[in-house]
């Protein structure tokens, strides 16, 4: 009796479990998912077509694991943008179904034409099966809803306004916006030509050198910024075929031409034309590899229209602090030298005098000199006459740093108006013709006096 009872209970539990699994679970899943207009993932789709009553159709097809735009122009598509589009469609649920007997005429909902008043959406799965087309019509007068019908079904569907908004797309919405596909780390040389003058930068290990229009050290951070910006440029508009007006866009006489040479011999290049102030403001752009014309944000012209002096190195000292064993100062008629045997050894002063050299002050001063940069590169002075222009022939101060191998840096400071309330100071290092401006604070690192390095202890009272 006990065994029979147990068997009946087990059988009943099995029946209930099967009922829940086959009937209740699917029902709950359907209710949780909602009544959807589009119930398909982007991964299942092979073709998407959007047709409009008043705009060019948009057509997309899956190619080589990604998406390609086929209309209104053949161009690479942004697969993420396509996936986001499909997700937005799937998020829209049917909030009400109006049967044909209650709906009245399709025209009253904007659903009487093949495209409706809004759009027609056709989806084809990767296996080739085409789903029933979805026609989108008018919006409701209130409550932010829209009307939809599915071909082959006489019902009128009421959906949130999201669906009505989502199906209205232009080709640009799906198009890849990145204009240059380049790894900044692979760029070996960058040439920027403006007003007939070519500025050429070349990678030298972790640093950059300026090759033209003069040979000089480059500001590595400025060079890296130019190279790093290449893959970040995006189209804010595209122009194709008859839309391209080369003369009107200023691309027949570019304002800036940029070429980036890549390790291995490849290159990417572009021209910038006229500015366009219509929102969003920017400049006309042409990719030289294939002639693609676009509009790019205003920062592109600002960044690549840079003056050559803005990419020249503003650092005045190339020595390493641990290698320096001598600092020689000349200022206001006073000359003295701080000297040590090697890094970590105590500093002494020549000529010797009263007081003891303060090691902390001397170490900090050396570090500040190693980090010294000018404010702005204003010109070049390669001969005595040119140096006189900046009063560098009669310096206010001079500092020399030496290693055990000899002089490693010499900095001369001058001013054409030393007595002014806020004079402009000019700095020049011995190994370059470049002249840089400096603030009073920067100048103070070069105009130190002997007394600022020593401490004089009072005599002990007897």
Protein backbone atom coordinates (compact mmCIF):
# COMPACT_ATOMS: atom_id res chain seq x y z
CA UNK A 1 0.00 0.00 0.00
CA UNK A 2 2.81 2.37 0.87
CA UNK A 3 4.66 1.56 -2.34
CA UNK A 4 1.54 2.21 -4.47
CA UNK A 5 0.91 5.50 -2.76
CA UNK A 6 4.51 6.60 -3.27
CA UNK A 7 4.34 5.62 -6.95
CA UNK A 8 1.14 7.65 -7.48
CA UNK A 9 2.66 10.71 -5.84
CA UNK A 10 5.77 10.37 -8.00
CA UNK A 11 3.69 9.99 -11.16
CA UNK A 12 1.58 13.02 -10.26
CA UNK A 13 4.73 15.09 -9.63
CA UNK A 14 6.07 14.01 -13.02
CA UNK A 15 2.86 15.02 -14.78
CA UNK A 16 2.84 18.40 -13.05
CA UNK A 17 6.51 18.94 -13.90
CA UNK A 18 5.94 18.09 -17.56
CA UNK A 19 2.96 20.42 -17.72
CA UNK A 20 4.95 23.30 -16.25
CA UNK A 21 7.90 22.61 -18.57
CA UNK A 22 5.93 22.36 -21.79
CA UNK A 23 3.09 24.82 -21.14
CA UNK A 24 3.73 27.22 -18.29
CA UNK A 25 7.44 27.97 -18.87
CA UNK A 26 6.99 28.91 -22.56
CA UNK A 27 4.00 31.03 -21.56
CA UNK A 28 5.99 32.83 -18.86
CA UNK A 29 8.90 33.35 -21.25
CA UNK A 30 6.56 34.80 -23.86
CA UNK A 31 4.94 37.11 -21.33
CA UNK A 32 8.35 38.24 -20.04
CA UNK A 33 9.58 38.87 -23.56
CA UNK A 34 6.43 40.66 -24.57
CA UNK A 35 4.61 40.79 -27.88
CA UNK A 36 7.41 41.99 -30.15
CA UNK A 37 7.27 43.37 -33.67
CA UNK A 38 10.81 42.24 -34.49
CA UNK A 39 11.84 39.05 -32.73
CA UNK A 40 15.24 38.34 -34.24
CA UNK A 41 18.84 38.97 -33.20
CA UNK A 42 21.34 40.85 -35.35
CA UNK A 43 23.41 37.65 -35.64
CA UNK A 44 20.49 35.95 -37.44
CA UNK A 45 20.17 38.64 -40.09
CA UNK A 46 21.83 38.62 -43.50
CA UNK A 47 20.10 41.55 -45.20
CA UNK A 48 18.25 44.69 -44.10
CA UNK A 49 16.34 47.06 -46.37
CA UNK A 50 14.63 50.31 -45.38
CA UNK A 51 12.44 52.05 -47.95
CA UNK A 52 10.95 55.52 -47.45
CA UNK A 53 8.24 57.52 -49.20
CA UNK A 54 10.39 60.65 -49.30
CA UNK A 55 14.06 59.63 -48.98
CA UNK A 56 16.68 57.34 -50.51
CA UNK A 57 16.42 53.68 -49.47
CA UNK A 58 19.00 52.20 -47.15
CA UNK A 59 20.23 48.67 -47.74
CA UNK A 60 22.69 46.57 -45.74
CA UNK A 61 24.11 43.09 -46.28
CA UNK A 62 26.33 40.86 -44.21
CA UNK A 63 29.78 40.47 -45.79
CA UNK A 64 32.80 38.55 -44.46
CA UNK A 65 31.48 38.39 -40.90
CA UNK A 66 30.54 42.09 -40.81
CA UNK A 67 28.11 44.47 -42.46
CA UNK A 68 28.38 46.47 -45.67
CA UNK A 69 26.22 49.36 -46.82
CA UNK A 70 24.83 48.72 -50.32
CA UNK A 71 22.55 51.75 -50.67
CA UNK A 72 22.37 54.68 -50.97
CA UNK A 73 26.11 54.12 -51.57
CA UNK A 74 28.40 51.10 -51.52
CA UNK A 75 30.64 51.58 -48.48
CA UNK A 76 31.87 49.83 -45.32
CA UNK A 77 29.28 49.77 -42.54
CA UNK A 78 29.72 50.09 -38.80
CA UNK A 79 28.65 46.67 -37.52
CA UNK A 80 28.09 48.05 -34.01
CA UNK A 81 25.68 50.65 -35.42
CA UNK A 82 23.74 47.90 -37.23
CA UNK A 83 23.56 45.77 -34.09
CA UNK A 84 22.36 48.74 -32.06
CA UNK A 85 19.70 49.45 -34.70
CA UNK A 86 18.38 45.88 -34.54
CA UNK A 87 18.41 45.97 -30.73
CA UNK A 88 16.36 49.18 -30.77
CA UNK A 89 13.82 47.51 -33.07
CA UNK A 90 13.61 44.44 -30.82
CA UNK A 91 13.02 46.59 -27.76
CA UNK A 92 9.74 47.85 -29.19
CA UNK A 93 6.71 45.78 -28.17
CA UNK A 94 3.15 45.65 -29.46
CA UNK A 95 1.01 47.44 -26.91
CA UNK A 96 -2.27 46.85 -28.67
CA UNK A 97 -3.58 44.91 -31.66
CA UNK A 98 -6.57 46.39 -33.47
CA UNK A 99 -8.40 43.73 -35.48
CA UNK A 100 -9.51 44.50 -39.03
CA UNK A 101 -13.16 44.54 -37.95
CA UNK A 102 -12.43 47.51 -35.65
CA UNK A 103 -9.60 49.22 -37.49
CA UNK A 104 -11.36 50.81 -40.43
CA UNK A 105 -9.35 51.88 -43.49
CA UNK A 106 -5.50 51.58 -43.55
CA UNK A 107 -5.29 55.16 -44.84
CA UNK A 108 -6.49 56.49 -41.49
CA UNK A 109 -3.30 55.06 -39.94
CA UNK A 110 -0.92 56.02 -42.74
CA UNK A 111 -0.64 52.35 -43.72
CA UNK A 112 -2.28 52.31 -47.15
CA UNK A 113 0.95 52.36 -49.23
CA UNK A 114 3.87 49.95 -49.59
CA UNK A 115 6.11 52.21 -47.51
CA UNK A 116 3.51 53.71 -45.20
CA UNK A 117 3.91 57.35 -44.31
CA UNK A 118 7.07 56.55 -42.37
CA UNK A 119 9.00 53.50 -43.63
CA UNK A 120 9.01 49.93 -44.87
CA UNK A 121 11.36 47.45 -43.17
CA UNK A 122 12.39 44.18 -44.85
CA UNK A 123 14.57 41.65 -43.03
CA UNK A 124 16.20 38.54 -44.52
CA UNK A 125 17.83 35.85 -42.41
CA UNK A 126 21.30 34.50 -43.14
CA UNK A 127 19.77 31.30 -44.53
CA UNK A 128 17.86 33.29 -47.15
CA UNK A 129 14.41 33.33 -45.54
CA UNK A 130 12.68 36.72 -45.89
CA UNK A 131 10.43 37.77 -43.01
CA UNK A 132 7.12 39.53 -43.66
CA UNK A 133 7.72 43.22 -44.39
CA UNK A 134 6.85 45.73 -41.67
CA UNK A 135 5.13 48.97 -42.71
CA UNK A 136 5.25 51.96 -40.37
CA UNK A 137 2.63 54.70 -40.59
CA UNK A 138 1.47 57.69 -38.56
CA UNK A 139 1.86 58.51 -34.91
CA UNK A 140 -1.08 58.69 -32.54
CA UNK A 141 -2.42 62.17 -31.66
CA UNK A 142 -1.60 61.56 -27.99
CA UNK A 143 0.37 59.15 -25.76
CA UNK A 144 3.47 58.92 -28.03
CA UNK A 145 2.53 55.82 -30.00
CA UNK A 146 2.64 54.83 -33.66
CA UNK A 147 0.79 52.52 -36.04
CA UNK A 148 2.38 49.52 -37.75
CA UNK A 149 1.18 46.67 -39.94
CA UNK A 150 2.86 43.44 -40.94
CA UNK A 151 2.24 42.34 -44.52
CA UNK A 152 -0.03 39.32 -44.63
CA UNK A 153 -1.76 40.38 -41.40
CA UNK A 154 -4.82 42.66 -41.40
CA UNK A 155 -4.30 43.85 -37.83
CA UNK A 156 -3.12 47.36 -37.02
CA UNK A 157 -0.45 47.30 -34.32
CA UNK A 158 0.01 50.09 -31.81
CA UNK A 159 3.66 50.48 -30.79
CA UNK A 160 5.68 52.91 -28.69
CA UNK A 161 7.07 55.91 -30.56
CA UNK A 162 10.55 54.31 -30.23
CA UNK A 163 9.84 52.00 -33.16
CA UNK A 164 8.59 54.88 -35.32
CA UNK A 165 11.79 56.79 -34.54
CA UNK A 166 14.18 53.86 -34.92
CA UNK A 167 13.24 52.91 -38.49
CA UNK A 168 14.06 56.36 -39.86
CA UNK A 169 17.73 56.10 -40.82
CA UNK A 170 20.04 57.59 -43.40
CA UNK A 171 22.95 55.76 -44.97
CA UNK A 172 25.34 57.88 -42.93
CA UNK A 173 23.90 56.45 -39.70
CA UNK A 174 25.25 53.01 -40.58
CA UNK A 175 28.44 54.05 -42.31
CA UNK A 176 31.85 53.58 -40.70
CA UNK A 177 32.91 56.99 -39.41
CA UNK A 178 36.64 56.26 -38.97
CA UNK A 179 38.53 57.70 -41.92
CA UNK A 180 42.06 56.41 -41.42
CA UNK A 181 42.81 52.90 -40.21
CA UNK A 182 46.34 53.19 -38.91
CA UNK A 183 48.27 52.09 -35.84
CA UNK A 184 50.03 55.20 -34.46
CA UNK A 185 52.87 53.01 -33.20
CA UNK A 186 53.58 51.90 -36.77
CA UNK A 187 53.99 55.45 -38.14
CA UNK A 188 57.65 56.13 -38.90
CA UNK A 189 57.42 59.55 -40.58
CA UNK A 190 54.81 62.30 -40.71
CA UNK A 191 54.80 65.10 -43.29
CA UNK A 192 52.49 68.11 -42.94
CA UNK A 193 52.52 70.55 -45.84
CA UNK A 194 50.97 73.98 -45.43
CA UNK A 195 51.35 77.10 -47.61
CA UNK A 196 54.03 75.37 -49.66
CA UNK A 197 56.18 74.54 -46.62
CA UNK A 198 56.62 70.91 -45.62
CA UNK A 199 57.14 70.00 -41.98
CA UNK A 200 58.58 66.52 -41.66
CA UNK A 201 58.87 64.51 -38.46
CA UNK A 202 60.64 61.18 -38.11
CA UNK A 203 60.49 58.63 -35.31
CA UNK A 204 63.81 58.05 -33.57
CA UNK A 205 63.23 55.20 -31.16
CA UNK A 206 61.00 56.59 -28.42
CA UNK A 207 61.61 60.18 -29.55
CA UNK A 208 60.90 62.24 -32.66
CA UNK A 209 63.18 64.44 -34.76
CA UNK A 210 62.33 67.37 -37.02
CA UNK A 211 63.84 66.88 -40.50
CA UNK A 212 62.27 69.83 -42.34
CA UNK A 213 62.00 72.75 -42.83
CA UNK A 214 65.04 72.65 -40.52
CA UNK A 215 66.85 69.90 -38.66
CA UNK A 216 66.08 70.11 -34.94
CA UNK A 217 64.85 68.16 -31.97
CA UNK A 218 61.09 67.70 -31.98
CA UNK A 219 58.76 67.99 -29.03
CA UNK A 220 58.05 64.28 -28.61
CA UNK A 221 54.66 64.84 -26.97
CA UNK A 222 53.56 67.20 -29.77
CA UNK A 223 54.67 64.70 -32.43
CA UNK A 224 52.92 61.84 -30.65
CA UNK A 225 49.74 63.89 -30.43
CA UNK A 226 49.72 64.42 -34.21
CA UNK A 227 50.30 60.74 -34.91
CA UNK A 228 47.84 59.52 -32.27
CA UNK A 229 45.10 61.74 -33.72
CA UNK A 230 45.17 59.98 -37.11
CA UNK A 231 42.89 57.02 -36.24
CA UNK A 232 40.56 59.23 -34.17
CA UNK A 233 39.42 61.36 -37.11
CA UNK A 234 35.81 60.64 -37.97
CA UNK A 235 33.49 61.78 -40.70
CA UNK A 236 30.66 64.04 -39.60
CA UNK A 237 29.34 63.92 -43.18
CA UNK A 238 30.20 62.04 -46.38
CA UNK A 239 30.05 63.28 -49.97
CA UNK A 240 29.89 60.89 -52.91
CA UNK A 241 29.65 61.19 -56.68
CA UNK A 242 27.88 64.37 -57.81
CA UNK A 243 27.74 65.65 -54.23
CA UNK A 244 31.48 66.38 -54.41
CA UNK A 245 32.34 69.96 -55.37
CA UNK A 246 36.12 69.95 -55.25
CA UNK A 247 36.54 73.63 -56.06
CA UNK A 248 33.73 74.67 -53.74
CA UNK A 249 35.16 72.50 -50.98
CA UNK A 250 38.64 73.96 -51.46
CA UNK A 251 40.09 70.54 -52.20
CA UNK A 252 41.60 71.58 -55.54
CA UNK A 253 43.99 73.75 -53.52
CA UNK A 254 44.28 72.11 -50.11
CA UNK A 255 45.04 74.22 -47.06
CA UNK A 256 46.87 71.29 -45.43
CA UNK A 257 48.21 67.99 -46.81
CA UNK A 258 49.26 65.21 -44.45
CA UNK A 259 51.13 61.97 -45.22
CA UNK A 260 51.89 59.31 -42.62
CA UNK A 261 54.44 56.70 -43.67
CA UNK A 262 54.01 53.27 -42.09
CA UNK A 263 56.66 50.70 -41.24
CA UNK A 264 56.88 48.29 -44.16
CA UNK A 265 56.39 50.92 -46.87
CA UNK A 266 52.66 51.66 -46.71
CA UNK A 267 51.22 55.14 -46.19
CA UNK A 268 47.98 56.96 -45.42
CA UNK A 269 47.36 60.51 -46.59
CA UNK A 270 44.69 63.19 -46.62
CA UNK A 271 44.04 66.77 -47.69
CA UNK A 272 42.04 69.43 -45.88
CA UNK A 273 40.10 72.01 -47.85
CA UNK A 274 37.92 74.94 -46.87
CA UNK A 275 36.21 75.39 -43.54
CA UNK A 276 32.44 74.96 -43.34
CA UNK A 277 30.74 76.86 -40.54
CA UNK A 278 27.36 75.20 -40.96
CA UNK A 279 26.59 73.02 -37.95
CA UNK A 280 28.36 70.88 -37.16
CA UNK A 281 31.28 73.14 -38.05
CA UNK A 282 34.31 71.53 -39.62
CA UNK A 283 36.52 71.27 -42.69
CA UNK A 284 36.27 69.38 -45.96
CA UNK A 285 38.50 66.32 -46.08
CA UNK A 286 39.76 64.07 -48.88
CA UNK A 287 41.42 60.70 -48.32
CA UNK A 288 44.09 60.56 -50.98
CA UNK A 289 44.19 56.76 -51.27
CA UNK A 290 40.71 56.51 -52.78
CA UNK A 291 39.45 60.09 -53.16
CA UNK A 292 36.75 59.71 -50.49
CA UNK A 293 35.45 63.15 -49.51
CA UNK A 294 34.03 63.87 -46.08
CA UNK A 295 33.62 66.61 -43.52
CA UNK A 296 35.63 66.41 -40.32
CA UNK A 297 35.43 68.27 -37.02
CA UNK A 298 37.11 71.66 -36.69
CA UNK A 299 39.83 70.30 -34.39
CA UNK A 300 41.45 68.45 -37.30
CA UNK A 301 42.37 71.68 -39.14
CA UNK A 302 43.50 73.23 -35.86
CA UNK A 303 45.72 70.28 -34.96
CA UNK A 304 47.34 69.77 -38.37
CA UNK A 305 47.57 73.46 -39.17
CA UNK A 306 50.18 73.71 -36.42
CA UNK A 307 53.16 76.03 -36.86
CA UNK A 308 56.53 74.29 -37.10
CA UNK A 309 57.80 76.11 -34.00
CA UNK A 310 55.00 74.49 -32.00
CA UNK A 311 56.40 71.02 -32.61
CA UNK A 312 60.03 71.89 -31.90
CA UNK A 313 61.45 70.79 -28.58
CA UNK A 314 61.20 73.44 -25.85
CA UNK A 315 63.43 71.50 -23.49
CA UNK A 316 66.81 73.20 -22.95
CA UNK A 317 68.85 70.43 -21.32
CA UNK A 318 69.43 66.90 -22.57
CA UNK A 319 71.78 65.76 -19.78
CA UNK A 320 70.85 63.14 -17.22
CA UNK A 321 70.95 64.36 -13.64
CA UNK A 322 73.07 61.44 -12.39
CA UNK A 323 75.73 62.14 -15.04
CA UNK A 324 76.21 65.80 -14.11
CA UNK A 325 79.26 66.49 -11.93
CA UNK A 326 79.61 70.22 -12.48
CA UNK A 327 77.27 73.25 -12.55
CA UNK A 328 78.89 76.57 -13.48
CA UNK A 329 76.92 79.81 -12.93
CA UNK A 330 77.65 83.28 -14.30
CA UNK A 331 75.29 86.08 -13.27
CA UNK A 332 75.55 89.76 -12.38
CA UNK A 333 79.35 89.72 -12.47
CA UNK A 334 79.62 86.64 -10.26
CA UNK A 335 81.00 83.28 -11.43
CA UNK A 336 81.13 80.11 -9.36
CA UNK A 337 81.04 76.37 -9.89
CA UNK A 338 79.41 73.54 -7.96
CA UNK A 339 81.30 70.31 -8.34
CA UNK A 340 81.08 66.69 -7.15
CA UNK A 341 82.97 63.48 -7.86
CA UNK A 342 79.87 61.53 -9.01
CA UNK A 343 76.16 61.08 -8.31
CA UNK A 344 75.48 60.77 -4.60
CA UNK A 345 78.77 62.38 -3.62
CA UNK A 346 78.75 65.74 -1.80
CA UNK A 347 78.78 69.00 -3.71
CA UNK A 348 81.54 71.53 -3.17
CA UNK A 349 81.98 75.05 -4.45
CA UNK A 350 84.81 76.63 -6.40
CA UNK A 351 86.18 79.06 -5.54
CA UNK A 352 85.68 78.04 -1.95
CA UNK A 353 84.36 80.62 0.45
CA UNK A 354 82.50 81.07 3.67
CA UNK A 355 79.76 78.62 4.51
CA UNK A 356 78.88 75.05 3.65
CA UNK A 357 77.16 73.93 0.44
CA UNK A 358 73.61 72.79 1.18
CA UNK A 359 73.30 69.44 -0.59
CA UNK A 360 69.48 69.42 -0.75
CA UNK A 361 69.32 72.84 -2.41
CA UNK A 362 72.02 71.90 -4.92
CA UNK A 363 70.33 68.59 -5.85
CA UNK A 364 66.96 70.31 -6.27
CA UNK A 365 68.53 73.02 -8.41
CA UNK A 366 70.09 70.43 -10.71
CA UNK A 367 66.76 68.65 -11.14
CA UNK A 368 65.03 71.94 -11.95
CA UNK A 369 67.61 72.66 -14.64
CA UNK A 370 67.22 69.20 -16.16
CA UNK A 371 63.46 69.86 -16.45
CA UNK A 372 63.81 73.45 -17.71
CA UNK A 373 61.69 74.27 -20.78
CA UNK A 374 61.03 77.53 -22.54
CA UNK A 375 57.57 79.02 -22.89
CA UNK A 376 57.48 79.61 -26.63
CA UNK A 377 59.91 79.11 -29.49
CA UNK A 378 60.09 82.49 -31.22
CA UNK A 379 62.90 82.17 -33.75
CA UNK A 380 66.43 81.11 -34.55
CA UNK A 381 69.76 82.79 -33.91
CA UNK A 382 72.63 81.01 -35.60
CA UNK A 383 75.14 83.88 -35.71
CA UNK A 384 76.26 86.82 -33.62
CA UNK A 385 74.02 89.33 -35.38
CA UNK A 386 70.93 87.18 -34.84
CA UNK A 387 71.84 86.56 -31.20
CA UNK A 388 72.12 90.31 -30.68
CA UNK A 389 68.45 90.63 -31.72
CA UNK A 390 67.55 88.80 -28.52
CA UNK A 391 70.33 90.38 -26.41
CA UNK A 392 72.02 87.00 -26.19
CA UNK A 393 75.34 88.59 -27.14
CA UNK A 394 75.32 90.35 -23.75
CA UNK A 395 73.78 87.66 -21.53
CA UNK A 396 72.15 88.35 -18.19
CA UNK A 397 73.04 84.85 -17.06
CA UNK A 398 74.69 81.66 -18.23
CA UNK A 399 74.71 78.12 -16.82
CA UNK A 400 76.90 75.24 -17.94
CA UNK A 401 76.40 71.58 -16.97
CA UNK A 402 79.22 69.10 -17.40
CA UNK A 403 79.75 65.38 -17.04
CA UNK A 404 83.05 63.56 -16.61
CA UNK A 405 83.24 63.61 -20.43
CA UNK A 406 82.93 67.39 -20.68
CA UNK A 407 80.26 70.03 -21.33
CA UNK A 408 76.80 68.52 -21.87
CA UNK A 409 74.63 71.67 -21.78
CA UNK A 410 75.15 75.40 -21.95
CA UNK A 411 72.25 77.85 -21.55
CA UNK A 412 72.46 81.58 -22.22
CA UNK A 413 69.76 84.02 -21.06
CA UNK A 414 69.17 87.56 -22.26
CA UNK A 415 66.53 90.28 -22.39
CA UNK A 416 65.98 93.26 -24.67
CA UNK A 417 64.24 95.12 -21.81
CA UNK A 418 65.89 93.95 -18.59
CA UNK A 419 64.77 96.98 -16.62
CA UNK A 420 61.08 96.70 -17.49
CA UNK A 421 58.47 95.83 -14.88
CA UNK A 422 57.74 92.54 -16.66
CA UNK A 423 60.65 91.88 -19.02
CA UNK A 424 60.64 89.15 -21.65
CA UNK A 425 63.57 86.78 -21.26
CA UNK A 426 65.13 84.79 -24.10
CA UNK A 427 66.95 81.49 -23.68
CA UNK A 428 69.21 79.56 -26.04
CA UNK A 429 71.08 76.30 -25.54
CA UNK A 430 74.52 75.91 -27.10
CA UNK A 431 73.57 72.93 -29.28
CA UNK A 432 70.66 74.65 -31.06
CA UNK A 433 69.85 77.84 -32.91
CA UNK A 434 66.33 77.89 -31.41
CA UNK A 435 65.44 80.87 -29.19
CA UNK A 436 62.73 80.48 -26.56
CA UNK A 437 60.96 82.91 -24.30
CA UNK A 438 60.99 82.37 -20.55
CA UNK A 439 59.10 83.68 -17.56
CA UNK A 440 60.71 85.36 -14.56
CA UNK A 441 60.25 82.10 -12.66
CA UNK A 442 62.12 80.13 -15.30
CA UNK A 443 64.81 82.81 -15.48
CA UNK A 444 65.30 82.55 -11.71
CA UNK A 445 66.74 79.03 -12.14
CA UNK A 446 69.58 80.52 -14.21
CA UNK A 447 70.26 83.63 -12.17
CA UNK A 448 71.09 82.08 -8.79
CA UNK A 449 73.93 83.54 -6.72
CA UNK A 450 76.57 81.84 -4.66
CA UNK A 451 74.92 82.74 -1.35
CA UNK A 452 71.78 80.79 -2.30
CA UNK A 453 73.69 77.50 -2.23
CA UNK A 454 75.51 77.88 1.11
CA UNK A 455 74.66 78.01 4.74
CA UNK A 456 76.79 80.04 7.15
CA UNK A 457 76.55 78.82 10.70
CA UNK A 458 76.99 81.40 13.47
CA UNK A 459 80.10 81.04 15.61
CA UNK A 460 79.51 79.23 18.89
CA UNK A 461 79.54 81.68 21.79
CA UNK A 462 82.49 81.26 24.17
